[in-house]
Structure formats: C-alpha cells, structure tokens
N, C-alpha and C. Protein backbone atom coordinates (compact mmCIF):
# COMPACT_ATOMS: atom_id res chain seq x y z
N MET A 1 0.86 -1.20 0.02
CA MET A 1 -0.08 -0.03 0.02
C MET A 1 0.85 1.22 -0.09
N GLY A 2 0.55 2.25 -0.82
CA GLY A 2 1.25 3.55 -0.88
C GLY A 2 1.27 4.32 0.52
N LYS A 3 2.25 5.24 0.61
CA LYS A 3 2.17 6.02 1.60
C LYS A 3 0.93 6.97 1.70
N ILE A 4 0.54 7.40 2.75
CA ILE A 4 -0.59 8.26 3.02
C ILE A 4 -0.16 9.60 3.23
N PHE A 5 -0.67 10.68 2.52
CA PHE A 5 -0.49 11.96 2.65
C PHE A 5 -1.44 12.80 3.53
N SER A 6 -1.27 13.38 4.48
CA SER A 6 -2.09 14.12 5.16
C SER A 6 -2.10 15.58 4.77
N SER A 7 -3.20 16.23 4.63
CA SER A 7 -3.31 17.57 4.20
C SER A 7 -2.73 18.56 5.18
N GLY A 8 -2.83 18.20 6.49
CA GLY A 8 -2.26 18.93 7.60
C GLY A 8 -3.31 20.13 7.88
N SER A 9 -4.29 20.04 7.50
CA SER A 9 -5.44 20.98 7.82
C SER A 9 -6.16 20.72 9.22
N GLY A 10 -5.87 19.56 9.73
CA GLY A 10 -6.41 19.29 11.03
C GLY A 10 -7.80 18.51 10.80
N ASN A 11 -8.17 18.29 9.66
CA ASN A 11 -9.55 17.58 9.46
C ASN A 11 -9.34 16.11 9.22
N ASN A 12 -8.07 15.56 9.42
CA ASN A 12 -7.83 14.20 9.29
C ASN A 12 -8.23 13.65 7.91
N SER A 13 -8.31 14.48 6.84
CA SER A 13 -8.43 13.93 5.61
C SER A 13 -7.16 13.37 5.00
N GLN A 14 -7.15 12.05 4.53
CA GLN A 14 -5.93 11.53 4.00
C GLN A 14 -6.13 11.04 2.48
N VAL A 15 -5.02 11.18 1.83
CA VAL A 15 -5.21 10.85 0.39
C VAL A 15 -3.95 10.01 0.12
N PRO A 16 -4.03 8.95 -0.72
CA PRO A 16 -2.80 8.21 -0.99
C PRO A 16 -1.71 9.23 -1.63
N HIS A 17 -0.50 8.88 -1.10
CA HIS A 17 0.59 9.82 -1.58
C HIS A 17 0.61 9.98 -2.92
N GLU A 18 0.53 8.95 -3.82
CA GLU A 18 0.65 9.05 -5.19
C GLU A 18 -0.39 10.16 -5.79
N THR A 19 -1.61 9.98 -5.30
CA THR A 19 -2.65 10.99 -5.71
C THR A 19 -2.41 12.26 -5.22
N ALA A 20 -1.95 12.55 -3.92
CA ALA A 20 -1.51 13.93 -3.60
C ALA A 20 -0.52 14.48 -4.46
N SER A 21 0.51 13.77 -4.83
CA SER A 21 1.47 14.22 -5.64
C SER A 21 0.93 14.71 -7.13
N ILE A 22 0.04 13.90 -7.62
CA ILE A 22 -0.55 14.29 -8.89
C ILE A 22 -1.44 15.52 -8.60
N LEU A 23 -2.11 15.60 -7.57
CA LEU A 23 -3.03 16.85 -7.19
C LEU A 23 -2.06 17.97 -7.23
N ARG A 24 -0.91 18.08 -6.56
CA ARG A 24 0.01 19.07 -6.43
C ARG A 24 0.38 19.50 -7.80
N ARG A 25 0.84 18.56 -8.52
CA ARG A 25 1.38 18.91 -9.97
C ARG A 25 0.44 19.43 -10.83
N ARG A 26 -0.89 18.89 -10.75
CA ARG A 26 -1.89 19.28 -11.82
C ARG A 26 -2.48 20.71 -11.29
N LEU A 27 -2.60 20.92 -10.09
CA LEU A 27 -3.26 22.16 -9.63
C LEU A 27 -2.42 23.37 -9.44
N GLU A 28 -1.09 23.21 -9.77
CA GLU A 28 -0.33 24.47 -9.72
C GLU A 28 -0.58 25.28 -10.82
N PRO A 29 -0.54 26.64 -10.58
CA PRO A 29 -0.84 27.58 -11.62
C PRO A 29 0.01 27.44 -12.92
N SER A 30 -0.78 27.41 -13.98
CA SER A 30 -0.17 27.19 -15.26
C SER A 30 -0.65 28.11 -16.26
N PRO A 31 0.25 28.48 -17.13
CA PRO A 31 -0.21 29.48 -18.32
C PRO A 31 -1.29 28.76 -19.17
N ARG A 32 -1.42 27.40 -19.20
CA ARG A 32 -2.50 26.95 -19.87
C ARG A 32 -3.75 26.62 -19.27
N GLY A 33 -3.83 27.08 -17.96
CA GLY A 33 -5.10 26.80 -17.08
C GLY A 33 -4.94 25.84 -16.06
N LEU A 34 -5.95 25.55 -15.37
CA LEU A 34 -5.86 24.73 -14.15
C LEU A 34 -5.46 23.41 -14.48
N PHE A 35 -5.90 22.59 -15.53
CA PHE A 35 -5.37 21.38 -15.84
C PHE A 35 -4.62 21.17 -17.20
N MET A 36 -3.81 20.27 -17.22
CA MET A 36 -2.99 19.98 -18.32
C MET A 36 -3.97 19.71 -19.57
N ALA A 37 -3.29 20.12 -20.73
CA ALA A 37 -3.99 19.94 -22.00
C ALA A 37 -4.08 18.55 -22.34
N ARG A 38 -5.19 18.13 -23.05
CA ARG A 38 -5.40 16.63 -23.44
C ARG A 38 -4.17 16.14 -24.25
N GLN A 39 -3.69 14.92 -24.05
CA GLN A 39 -2.74 14.23 -24.59
C GLN A 39 -3.22 13.94 -26.18
N LEU A 40 -2.56 14.56 -27.13
CA LEU A 40 -2.92 14.40 -28.43
C LEU A 40 -2.72 12.97 -28.90
N ASN A 41 -3.59 12.25 -29.63
CA ASN A 41 -3.48 10.82 -30.12
C ASN A 41 -3.54 10.01 -28.98
N HIS A 42 -4.16 10.22 -27.81
CA HIS A 42 -4.22 9.19 -26.61
C HIS A 42 -5.70 9.13 -26.32
N ALA A 43 -6.00 8.03 -25.78
CA ALA A 43 -7.34 7.72 -25.21
C ALA A 43 -7.33 7.18 -23.83
N PHE A 44 -8.49 7.48 -23.10
CA PHE A 44 -8.63 7.04 -21.76
C PHE A 44 -9.25 5.47 -21.79
N VAL A 45 -8.61 4.72 -21.18
CA VAL A 45 -9.21 3.31 -21.31
C VAL A 45 -9.51 2.74 -19.84
N VAL A 46 -10.38 1.76 -20.02
CA VAL A 46 -10.81 1.09 -18.71
C VAL A 46 -10.70 -0.29 -19.05
N ASP A 47 -9.86 -1.08 -18.27
CA ASP A 47 -9.65 -2.41 -18.43
C ASP A 47 -10.93 -3.11 -17.89
N GLU A 48 -11.64 -3.68 -18.72
CA GLU A 48 -12.98 -4.24 -18.37
C GLU A 48 -12.87 -5.51 -17.34
N ASP A 49 -11.81 -6.23 -17.68
CA ASP A 49 -11.59 -7.28 -16.91
C ASP A 49 -11.12 -7.02 -15.45
N ARG A 50 -10.70 -5.93 -15.19
CA ARG A 50 -10.18 -5.55 -13.88
C ARG A 50 -11.26 -4.64 -13.10
N CYS A 51 -11.95 -3.83 -13.85
CA CYS A 51 -12.84 -2.79 -13.13
C CYS A 51 -13.99 -3.67 -12.57
N PHE A 52 -14.21 -3.35 -11.30
CA PHE A 52 -15.36 -4.01 -10.52
C PHE A 52 -16.33 -2.99 -10.13
N GLY A 53 -16.28 -1.69 -10.55
CA GLY A 53 -17.31 -0.67 -10.22
C GLY A 53 -17.25 -0.07 -8.76
N CYS A 54 -16.03 0.14 -8.23
CA CYS A 54 -15.93 0.79 -6.84
C CYS A 54 -16.22 2.17 -6.87
N ALA A 55 -16.20 2.87 -7.97
CA ALA A 55 -16.35 4.27 -8.17
C ALA A 55 -15.52 5.25 -7.56
N ALA A 56 -14.27 4.79 -7.11
CA ALA A 56 -13.20 5.73 -6.62
C ALA A 56 -12.72 6.68 -7.72
N CYS A 57 -12.70 6.25 -8.95
CA CYS A 57 -12.33 7.15 -9.99
C CYS A 57 -13.31 8.25 -10.19
N ILE A 58 -14.55 7.90 -10.08
CA ILE A 58 -15.74 8.95 -10.22
C ILE A 58 -15.67 9.99 -9.06
N ALA A 59 -15.33 9.69 -8.03
CA ALA A 59 -15.10 10.47 -6.79
C ALA A 59 -14.01 11.63 -7.03
N LEU A 60 -13.05 11.21 -7.71
CA LEU A 60 -11.94 12.11 -7.92
C LEU A 60 -11.96 13.03 -9.29
N CYS A 61 -12.94 12.63 -10.23
CA CYS A 61 -12.95 13.27 -11.50
C CYS A 61 -13.45 14.69 -11.27
N PRO A 62 -12.67 15.72 -11.62
CA PRO A 62 -12.94 17.10 -11.41
C PRO A 62 -13.90 17.61 -12.34
N ILE A 63 -14.17 16.96 -13.41
CA ILE A 63 -15.06 17.46 -14.52
C ILE A 63 -16.36 16.52 -14.72
N ASN A 64 -16.46 15.53 -13.95
CA ASN A 64 -17.52 14.62 -13.89
C ASN A 64 -17.80 13.88 -15.28
N VAL A 65 -16.75 13.38 -15.72
CA VAL A 65 -16.92 12.77 -17.13
C VAL A 65 -16.82 11.13 -17.09
N LEU A 66 -16.84 10.64 -15.76
CA LEU A 66 -16.75 9.22 -15.46
C LEU A 66 -18.25 8.81 -14.84
N SER A 67 -18.80 7.71 -15.20
CA SER A 67 -19.88 7.22 -14.73
C SER A 67 -19.80 5.65 -14.62
N LEU A 68 -20.78 5.14 -13.94
CA LEU A 68 -20.78 3.54 -13.72
C LEU A 68 -21.90 3.15 -14.69
N ILE A 69 -21.74 2.27 -15.49
CA ILE A 69 -22.88 1.54 -16.31
C ILE A 69 -22.50 0.14 -16.12
N ASP A 70 -23.53 -0.52 -15.58
CA ASP A 70 -23.37 -2.16 -15.28
C ASP A 70 -22.17 -2.48 -14.57
N ARG A 71 -21.84 -1.61 -13.45
CA ARG A 71 -20.70 -1.86 -12.64
C ARG A 71 -19.35 -1.69 -13.31
N LEU A 72 -19.33 -0.84 -14.26
CA LEU A 72 -18.05 -0.58 -15.03
C LEU A 72 -17.89 0.84 -15.23
N ALA A 73 -16.63 1.39 -14.98
CA ALA A 73 -16.44 2.73 -15.21
C ALA A 73 -16.46 3.08 -16.69
N VAL A 74 -17.24 4.19 -17.08
CA VAL A 74 -17.25 4.57 -18.45
C VAL A 74 -16.86 6.02 -18.51
N VAL A 75 -16.12 6.32 -19.40
CA VAL A 75 -15.57 7.75 -19.62
C VAL A 75 -16.22 8.39 -20.78
N ASP A 76 -16.56 9.74 -20.71
CA ASP A 76 -17.01 10.44 -21.96
C ASP A 76 -15.69 10.95 -22.46
N GLU A 77 -15.11 10.26 -23.35
CA GLU A 77 -13.67 10.40 -23.83
C GLU A 77 -13.68 11.80 -24.49
N GLU A 78 -14.62 12.41 -25.28
CA GLU A 78 -14.39 13.72 -25.82
C GLU A 78 -14.35 14.71 -24.74
N ALA A 79 -15.01 14.62 -23.60
CA ALA A 79 -15.04 15.65 -22.65
C ALA A 79 -13.80 15.51 -21.66
N CYS A 80 -13.21 14.41 -21.60
CA CYS A 80 -12.14 14.06 -20.64
C CYS A 80 -10.90 14.90 -20.87
N THR A 81 -10.39 15.63 -19.95
CA THR A 81 -9.07 16.43 -20.09
C THR A 81 -7.80 15.71 -19.92
N HIS A 82 -7.89 14.34 -19.71
CA HIS A 82 -6.82 13.57 -19.38
C HIS A 82 -5.77 14.08 -18.33
N CYS A 83 -6.40 14.59 -17.29
CA CYS A 83 -5.79 15.11 -16.14
C CYS A 83 -5.11 14.18 -15.24
N GLU A 84 -5.55 12.91 -15.45
CA GLU A 84 -4.89 11.68 -14.71
C GLU A 84 -5.26 11.68 -13.07
N LEU A 85 -6.20 12.55 -12.56
CA LEU A 85 -6.44 12.39 -11.13
C LEU A 85 -7.07 11.16 -10.76
N CYS A 86 -7.81 10.56 -11.75
CA CYS A 86 -8.56 9.50 -11.42
C CYS A 86 -7.78 8.02 -11.36
N ILE A 87 -6.65 8.14 -12.22
CA ILE A 87 -5.82 6.89 -12.38
C ILE A 87 -5.25 6.23 -11.07
N PRO A 88 -4.56 7.02 -10.29
CA PRO A 88 -3.97 6.35 -9.04
C PRO A 88 -5.06 5.96 -7.97
N SER A 89 -6.35 6.44 -8.17
CA SER A 89 -7.43 5.96 -7.21
C SER A 89 -7.90 4.63 -7.54
N CYS A 90 -7.63 3.99 -8.62
CA CYS A 90 -8.12 2.70 -8.93
C CYS A 90 -7.39 1.67 -8.15
N PRO A 91 -7.99 0.87 -7.21
CA PRO A 91 -7.33 -0.17 -6.45
C PRO A 91 -6.94 -1.33 -7.31
N VAL A 92 -7.41 -1.42 -8.56
CA VAL A 92 -7.02 -2.67 -9.43
C VAL A 92 -6.26 -2.29 -10.66
N PHE A 93 -5.93 -0.96 -10.72
CA PHE A 93 -5.04 -0.54 -11.95
C PHE A 93 -5.84 -0.82 -13.13
N ALA A 94 -7.06 -0.43 -13.30
CA ALA A 94 -7.87 -0.73 -14.44
C ALA A 94 -7.93 0.51 -15.39
N LEU A 95 -7.38 1.76 -14.94
CA LEU A 95 -7.40 2.86 -15.71
C LEU A 95 -6.19 3.33 -16.41
N ASP A 96 -6.20 3.77 -17.56
CA ASP A 96 -4.86 4.25 -18.17
C ASP A 96 -5.14 5.34 -19.27
N ILE A 97 -4.25 5.93 -19.75
CA ILE A 97 -4.30 6.75 -20.95
C ILE A 97 -3.17 6.32 -21.86
N LEU A 98 -3.65 5.79 -23.03
CA LEU A 98 -2.77 5.13 -23.92
C LEU A 98 -2.76 5.66 -25.27
N PRO A 99 -1.60 5.62 -26.10
CA PRO A 99 -1.56 6.05 -27.35
C PRO A 99 -2.76 5.40 -28.20
N GLN A 100 -3.38 5.97 -29.10
CA GLN A 100 -4.57 5.49 -29.72
C GLN A 100 -4.35 4.22 -30.57
N GLN A 101 -3.12 4.07 -31.19
CA GLN A 101 -2.86 2.93 -32.02
C GLN A 101 -2.75 1.67 -31.11
N VAL A 102 -2.49 1.90 -29.71
CA VAL A 102 -2.39 0.72 -28.86
C VAL A 102 -3.69 0.29 -28.41
N VAL A 103 -4.60 1.15 -28.43
CA VAL A 103 -6.10 0.99 -27.87
C VAL A 103 -6.67 -0.15 -28.71
N VAL A 104 -7.09 -1.22 -27.99
CA VAL A 104 -7.86 -2.32 -28.84
C VAL A 104 -9.30 -2.16 -28.59
N ALA A 105 -10.03 -2.03 -29.73
CA ALA A 105 -11.46 -1.94 -29.57
C ALA A 105 -12.29 -3.02 -29.19
C-alpha cells in the first residue's frame, strides 16, 4: 500500500501519496489553465476485466466525465481532459491513458 499524505489542515483527511503528488502537480498555476491539455492521439481506457465498479475514480474526477454503467467505469472521452487524477485512485489498476494505436476496440 502506498504512503498516506495528510493535508495538515487538521481535518484528518488522508489521500494516497501518489494521488496527492498528482494533485499538487496538476493544480499548480499554469499558463495553460488549471489542468494540463489533453494528450494528443491518446485515449482514456478502462480495463473491463479488472474494473469492478468501486467508483473511486468517479469521486476524484474534477469534471464529472466518469460514470458507472453495469458496474463498469465509463468515460466521456471527448470531454475528458486527461488530467490523470482518477488513475491512481483505482485499486485494481484498471485505468490508463494510452496512445490510440495501442487501444484495442
């Protein structure tokens, strides 16, 4: 299990260290805006054999493009910003952003 990062705000909220690191990196002020630009020629993929519908990714998605359909995470790919905040939240490593030529339909 990864290290736990405490926000230090006194509210005892804890976030896995890997997620906290991504949050800090993604939420730093940037000339491009709050989130990184989409990765060109890449697609967000969900490994259907691994995903069991825990919804941890949905809880972290800042733009609400993830949903559960038949206990499987589904993404609105056109609206997804590829910010990657959801990826480390998956306990079974079912989420990834891959080059489109690698994505199997």
